[in-house]
Amino acid sequence: MEGLSDALGDCLDPNMPDSSVSVLGKDVTGKLQAAAVKTNKKAMAYLALAFDNMKLLRLVTKEKSDKWPEGEAQKVMQFLTKKYHPNDLQARVELRKRLVNLKLRLDQDPYKMLEELAAIEHASAQTKAKVMEIDLIGAVYAVAPMEYIAVLTMEESVRGEDLELEHLEEVMCKMWRHSGDRPGSTPPVKTEIILNAFTGYCYMYKEKGHRATHCPSKEEKKSEAGGIGRRFNGNCNQCGHQGHKKSECWEMPENEDKRPAGYKPKTEYGH
């Protein structure tokens, strides 16, 4: 739109006649008016091709009249400039808000943030309140995660006063690619566990996803059976030794048959 606006100028062409259907003279003035009418027709045709929705196409239709059956391109451009490129205080405030609201997450491609910066710079070129290069560089430092600060600072020290936004863009995007799209990150533990997980069946209870040695059903059965299979770590109430209960103690006469050969009980019991 900027190119077309520049070609048409900020004001109506002084050579434009009162009507495109007027009979134009053969003199120099008439030739200039004929050229202006031809340029206007081309501009309206370009606008009609460029507009991709009915709301904008309505602007073309709205400017058509008996005097100007094809419409007046300059009036359409004046409306578009006022609506989409306002050069007023509100436009400046909106640009500053866009700059302040920039964000960059560690898991986000920095190119997207840098694209938004370029869009802000381009939009500011249409207003009197220009966004300076130093403002854009400052915005990058303000939103960059800590993992980027080292490379940004290094680039700044190397470039010095010649530092430009494209230099920061280059080192940030390079770091993003080299780090596997995650600067400063470590391999995700959850993914590692999933990849190494057992995918077969437990041979004891035919359940999928674990081995028999890690079978939760086996542990439940042990608990239901009163802890059978688990070593008792307390002290015996009979002999005082650790690792068995009184009911299992070899000192008890009822456990005589469980005693190993040559075992001599400390206390003699009557039979």
Protein backbone atom coordinates (compact mmCIF):
# COMPACT_ATOMS: atom_id res chain seq x y z
CA MET A 1 0.00 0.00 0.00
CA GLU A 2 2.90 2.33 0.76
CA GLY A 3 4.19 2.11 -2.81
CA LEU A 4 0.80 2.90 -4.29
CA SER A 5 0.30 5.74 -1.83
CA ASP A 6 3.68 7.22 -2.74
CA ALA A 7 2.87 6.98 -6.43
CA LEU A 8 -0.46 8.78 -6.00
CA GLY A 9 0.90 11.35 -3.54
CA ASP A 10 -0.68 12.86 -0.45
CA CYS A 11 -3.02 15.18 -2.33
CA LEU A 12 -5.34 14.87 -5.28
CA ASP A 13 -3.54 15.11 -8.61
CA PRO A 14 -3.87 18.73 -9.75
CA ASN A 15 -4.18 17.49 -13.31
CA MET A 16 -7.29 15.44 -12.52
CA PRO A 17 -10.27 16.82 -14.47
CA ASP A 18 -13.68 17.30 -12.89
CA SER A 19 -14.81 14.04 -14.46
CA SER A 20 -13.23 11.09 -16.22
CA VAL A 21 -16.01 11.23 -18.80
CA SER A 22 -15.28 14.88 -19.67
CA VAL A 23 -14.17 15.68 -23.18
CA LEU A 24 -10.50 16.54 -22.88
CA GLY A 25 -8.63 18.92 -25.10
CA LYS A 26 -5.73 18.11 -27.36
CA ASP A 27 -3.44 20.72 -25.79
CA VAL A 28 -0.81 20.13 -23.10
CA THR A 29 -3.37 20.50 -20.30
CA GLY A 30 -5.68 18.00 -21.93
CA LYS A 31 -2.84 15.50 -22.33
CA LEU A 32 -1.88 15.87 -18.65
CA GLN A 33 -5.51 15.35 -17.64
CA ALA A 34 -5.77 12.28 -19.87
CA ALA A 35 -2.64 10.83 -18.25
CA ALA A 36 -4.06 11.50 -14.77
CA VAL A 37 -7.35 9.76 -15.67
CA LYS A 38 -5.43 6.75 -17.03
CA THR A 39 -3.31 6.53 -13.87
CA ASN A 40 -6.45 6.67 -11.74
CA LYS A 41 -8.07 3.83 -13.66
CA LYS A 42 -4.97 1.67 -13.24
CA ALA A 43 -4.82 2.44 -9.52
CA MET A 44 -8.47 1.48 -9.02
CA ALA A 45 -7.89 -1.77 -10.90
CA TYR A 46 -4.86 -2.58 -8.70
CA LEU A 47 -6.86 -1.82 -5.55
CA ALA A 48 -9.73 -4.07 -6.66
CA LEU A 49 -7.25 -6.91 -7.24
CA ALA A 50 -5.46 -6.36 -3.93
CA PHE A 51 -8.55 -6.28 -1.72
CA ASP A 52 -9.42 -9.78 -0.48
CA ASN A 53 -12.69 -9.17 1.35
CA MET A 54 -16.02 -7.50 0.64
CA LYS A 55 -15.53 -4.81 3.27
CA LEU A 56 -12.52 -3.41 1.42
CA LEU A 57 -14.03 -3.96 -2.01
CA ARG A 58 -16.93 -1.82 -0.85
CA LEU A 59 -14.51 1.13 -0.72
CA VAL A 60 -13.97 0.78 -4.45
CA THR A 61 -17.69 0.63 -5.12
CA LYS A 62 -18.41 3.52 -2.75
CA GLU A 63 -16.15 5.91 -4.66
CA LYS A 64 -17.83 5.24 -8.00
CA SER A 65 -20.07 7.98 -9.33
CA ASP A 66 -21.49 9.33 -12.57
CA LYS A 67 -18.48 11.61 -12.95
CA TRP A 68 -16.05 8.86 -11.96
CA PRO A 69 -17.55 5.49 -13.00
CA GLU A 70 -14.35 3.66 -12.04
CA GLY A 71 -13.98 5.60 -8.76
CA GLU A 72 -11.25 7.91 -7.45
CA ALA A 73 -8.17 6.03 -6.26
CA GLN A 74 -6.78 8.93 -4.26
CA LYS A 75 -9.86 9.09 -2.02
CA VAL A 76 -9.70 5.34 -1.40
CA MET A 77 -6.02 5.65 -0.42
CA GLN A 78 -6.75 8.56 1.90
CA PHE A 79 -9.34 6.44 3.72
CA LEU A 80 -6.99 3.44 3.98
CA THR A 81 -4.12 5.57 5.28
CA LYS A 82 -6.32 7.17 7.91
CA LYS A 83 -7.68 3.80 9.06
CA TYR A 84 -4.60 1.57 8.93
CA HIS A 85 -1.66 4.01 9.20
CA PRO A 86 -2.87 6.78 11.47
CA ASN A 87 -0.19 9.33 12.25
CA ASP A 88 -1.47 10.46 15.63
CA LEU A 89 -0.81 10.08 19.36
CA GLN A 90 -2.91 6.92 19.62
CA ALA A 91 -0.81 5.23 16.93
CA ARG A 92 2.35 5.99 18.89
CA VAL A 93 0.83 4.65 22.11
CA GLU A 94 -0.20 1.43 20.37
CA LEU A 95 3.33 0.92 19.03
CA ARG A 96 4.83 1.40 22.48
CA LYS A 97 2.34 -1.10 23.93
CA ARG A 98 3.33 -3.68 21.33
CA LEU A 99 6.97 -3.14 22.24
CA VAL A 100 6.30 -3.51 25.98
CA ASN A 101 4.11 -6.59 25.51
CA LEU A 102 6.78 -8.58 23.66
CA LYS A 103 7.40 -12.02 25.18
CA LEU A 104 9.81 -14.88 24.54
CA ARG A 105 9.60 -18.23 26.31
CA LEU A 106 12.53 -20.59 26.54
CA ASP A 107 10.69 -23.18 24.42
CA GLN A 108 9.72 -20.61 21.77
CA ASP A 109 11.54 -19.96 18.50
CA PRO A 110 13.13 -16.48 18.87
CA TYR A 111 12.50 -15.79 15.19
CA LYS A 112 8.80 -15.21 15.95
CA MET A 113 9.61 -12.51 18.49
CA LEU A 114 12.10 -10.93 16.07
CA GLU A 115 9.45 -10.92 13.35
CA GLU A 116 7.16 -8.97 15.66
CA LEU A 117 9.97 -6.48 16.29
CA ALA A 118 10.38 -6.01 12.54
CA ALA A 119 6.64 -5.42 12.19
CA ILE A 120 6.76 -2.80 14.94
CA GLU A 121 9.71 -1.07 13.28
CA HIS A 122 7.91 -1.09 9.93
CA ALA A 123 4.72 0.32 11.45
CA SER A 124 6.64 3.06 13.25
CA ALA A 125 8.08 4.20 9.94
CA GLN A 126 4.59 5.39 9.01
CA THR A 127 4.32 7.71 12.02
CA LYS A 128 6.28 10.66 13.33
CA ALA A 129 7.28 8.72 16.46
CA LYS A 130 10.04 6.51 15.07
CA VAL A 131 11.16 3.48 17.07
CA MET A 132 14.95 3.68 17.24
CA GLU A 133 17.30 0.72 16.74
CA ILE A 134 18.50 1.03 20.33
CA ASP A 135 14.88 0.64 21.52
CA LEU A 136 14.55 -2.62 19.58
CA ILE A 137 17.86 -3.95 20.94
CA GLY A 138 16.79 -3.03 24.47
CA ALA A 139 13.51 -4.89 23.95
CA VAL A 140 15.43 -8.06 23.00
CA TYR A 141 17.49 -7.91 26.21
CA ALA A 142 14.33 -7.26 28.23
CA VAL A 143 12.42 -10.32 27.02
CA ALA A 144 15.23 -12.82 26.36
CA PRO A 145 15.38 -15.73 28.87
CA MET A 146 18.53 -15.95 30.98
CA GLU A 147 19.90 -18.76 28.78
CA TYR A 148 20.36 -16.23 25.93
CA ILE A 149 21.96 -13.42 27.93
CA ALA A 150 25.51 -14.83 27.75
CA VAL A 151 25.58 -15.00 23.93
CA LEU A 152 23.89 -11.60 23.62
CA THR A 153 26.42 -10.00 25.96
CA MET A 154 29.30 -11.64 24.08
CA GLU A 155 27.98 -10.33 20.76
CA GLU A 156 27.61 -6.86 22.24
CA SER A 157 31.21 -6.89 23.51
CA VAL A 158 32.48 -7.96 20.08
CA ARG A 159 30.41 -5.49 18.04
CA GLY A 160 30.55 -2.55 20.41
CA GLU A 161 28.84 0.55 18.99
CA ASP A 162 28.29 -1.26 15.68
CA LEU A 163 25.83 -3.68 17.30
CA GLU A 164 22.60 -4.02 15.30
CA LEU A 165 19.38 -5.95 15.75
CA GLU A 166 20.31 -8.40 13.00
CA HIS A 167 23.45 -9.37 14.93
CA LEU A 168 21.34 -10.40 17.93
CA GLU A 169 18.92 -12.20 15.63
CA GLU A 170 21.76 -14.23 14.13
CA VAL A 171 23.24 -15.44 17.44
CA MET A 172 19.84 -16.17 19.02
CA CYS A 173 18.59 -18.20 16.07
CA LYS A 174 21.92 -20.06 15.85
CA MET A 175 21.74 -20.92 19.55
CA TRP A 176 18.14 -22.09 19.11
CA ARG A 177 19.09 -24.45 16.28
CA HIS A 178 22.25 -25.80 17.94
CA SER A 179 20.47 -26.53 21.22
CA GLY A 180 17.79 -28.64 19.58
CA ASP A 181 15.10 -25.99 19.89
CA ARG A 182 15.59 -25.73 23.67
CA PRO A 183 18.48 -23.49 24.85
CA GLY A 184 20.04 -24.61 28.12
CA SER A 185 17.76 -27.59 28.51
CA THR A 186 18.47 -31.19 29.48
CA PRO A 187 16.79 -34.27 28.00
CA PRO A 188 13.30 -34.60 29.47
CA VAL A 189 13.27 -37.32 32.14
CA LYS A 190 9.69 -38.37 31.46
CA THR A 191 10.44 -39.10 27.83
CA GLU A 192 13.47 -41.13 28.84
CA ILE A 193 11.42 -43.24 31.26
CA ILE A 194 8.73 -43.88 28.66
CA LEU A 195 11.27 -44.96 26.04
CA ASN A 196 12.93 -47.40 28.46
CA ALA A 197 9.70 -48.79 29.91
CA PHE A 198 9.03 -52.58 29.84
CA THR A 199 6.32 -53.32 27.26
CA GLY A 200 5.95 -57.07 27.84
CA TYR A 201 3.76 -59.09 30.24
CA CYS A 202 4.27 -60.19 33.84
CA TYR A 203 4.52 -64.01 33.81
CA MET A 204 2.90 -64.33 37.25
CA TYR A 205 -0.37 -62.42 36.71
CA LYS A 206 -0.26 -61.83 32.93
CA GLU A 207 -0.47 -58.06 33.37
CA LYS A 208 1.12 -55.82 30.74
CA GLY A 209 3.76 -53.17 31.44
CA HIS A 210 5.89 -54.65 34.22
CA ARG A 211 8.09 -57.59 35.06
CA ALA A 212 7.26 -60.18 37.73
CA THR A 213 9.96 -58.71 39.98
CA HIS A 214 8.05 -55.39 40.02
CA CYS A 215 4.56 -56.85 40.03
CA PRO A 216 2.19 -54.75 42.15
CA SER A 217 -0.26 -57.66 42.40
CA LYS A 218 2.45 -59.84 43.97
CA GLU A 219 3.10 -57.21 46.62
CA GLU A 220 -0.64 -56.95 47.32
CA LYS A 221 -0.85 -60.73 47.77
CA LYS A 222 2.01 -60.63 50.24
CA SER A 223 0.29 -57.92 52.24
CA GLU A 224 -2.98 -59.85 52.27
CA ALA A 225 -1.11 -62.95 53.52
CA GLY A 226 0.13 -61.08 56.54
CA GLY A 227 3.51 -60.13 55.24
CA ILE A 228 4.66 -63.63 54.13
CA GLY A 229 7.83 -63.31 52.18
CA ARG A 230 8.99 -60.21 53.97
CA ARG A 231 11.86 -60.35 56.48
CA PHE A 232 11.01 -59.38 60.07
CA ASN A 233 13.47 -56.70 61.18
CA GLY A 234 12.40 -56.45 64.83
CA ASN A 235 13.80 -58.19 67.93
CA CYS A 236 12.61 -61.53 69.21
CA ASN A 237 10.72 -61.35 72.54
CA GLN A 238 12.26 -64.67 73.58
CA CYS A 239 15.98 -64.52 72.83
CA GLY A 240 16.31 -60.81 72.02
CA HIS A 241 18.01 -61.38 68.68
CA GLN A 242 16.98 -59.39 65.61
CA GLY A 243 15.42 -60.89 62.50
CA HIS A 244 12.70 -63.25 63.78
CA LYS A 245 9.64 -63.33 65.98
CA LYS A 246 9.13 -65.31 69.20
CA SER A 247 6.88 -67.78 67.36
CA GLU A 248 9.80 -68.55 65.01
CA CYS A 249 12.51 -68.61 67.69
CA TRP A 250 14.63 -71.79 67.91
CA GLU A 251 14.70 -71.37 71.69
CA MET A 252 11.02 -72.27 71.82
CA PRO A 253 10.44 -76.01 72.36
CA GLU A 254 7.74 -76.14 69.64
CA ASN A 255 10.42 -75.08 67.10
CA GLU A 256 12.81 -77.88 68.04
CA ASP A 257 12.39 -79.54 64.66
CA LYS A 258 13.45 -76.31 62.92
CA ARG A 259 16.75 -76.07 64.75
CA PRO A 260 19.90 -76.73 62.66
CA ALA A 261 22.07 -79.71 63.54
CA GLY A 262 24.24 -79.12 66.60
CA TYR A 263 22.17 -76.17 67.83
CA LYS A 264 22.09 -75.95 71.61
CA PRO A 265 19.33 -73.83 73.14
CA LYS A 266 20.30 -71.45 75.93
CA THR A 267 17.39 -72.48 78.05
CA GLU A 268 16.32 -76.04 78.67
CA TYR A 269 12.61 -76.66 78.48
CA GLY A 270 10.76 -79.54 79.92
CA HIS A 271 8.82 -81.88 77.61
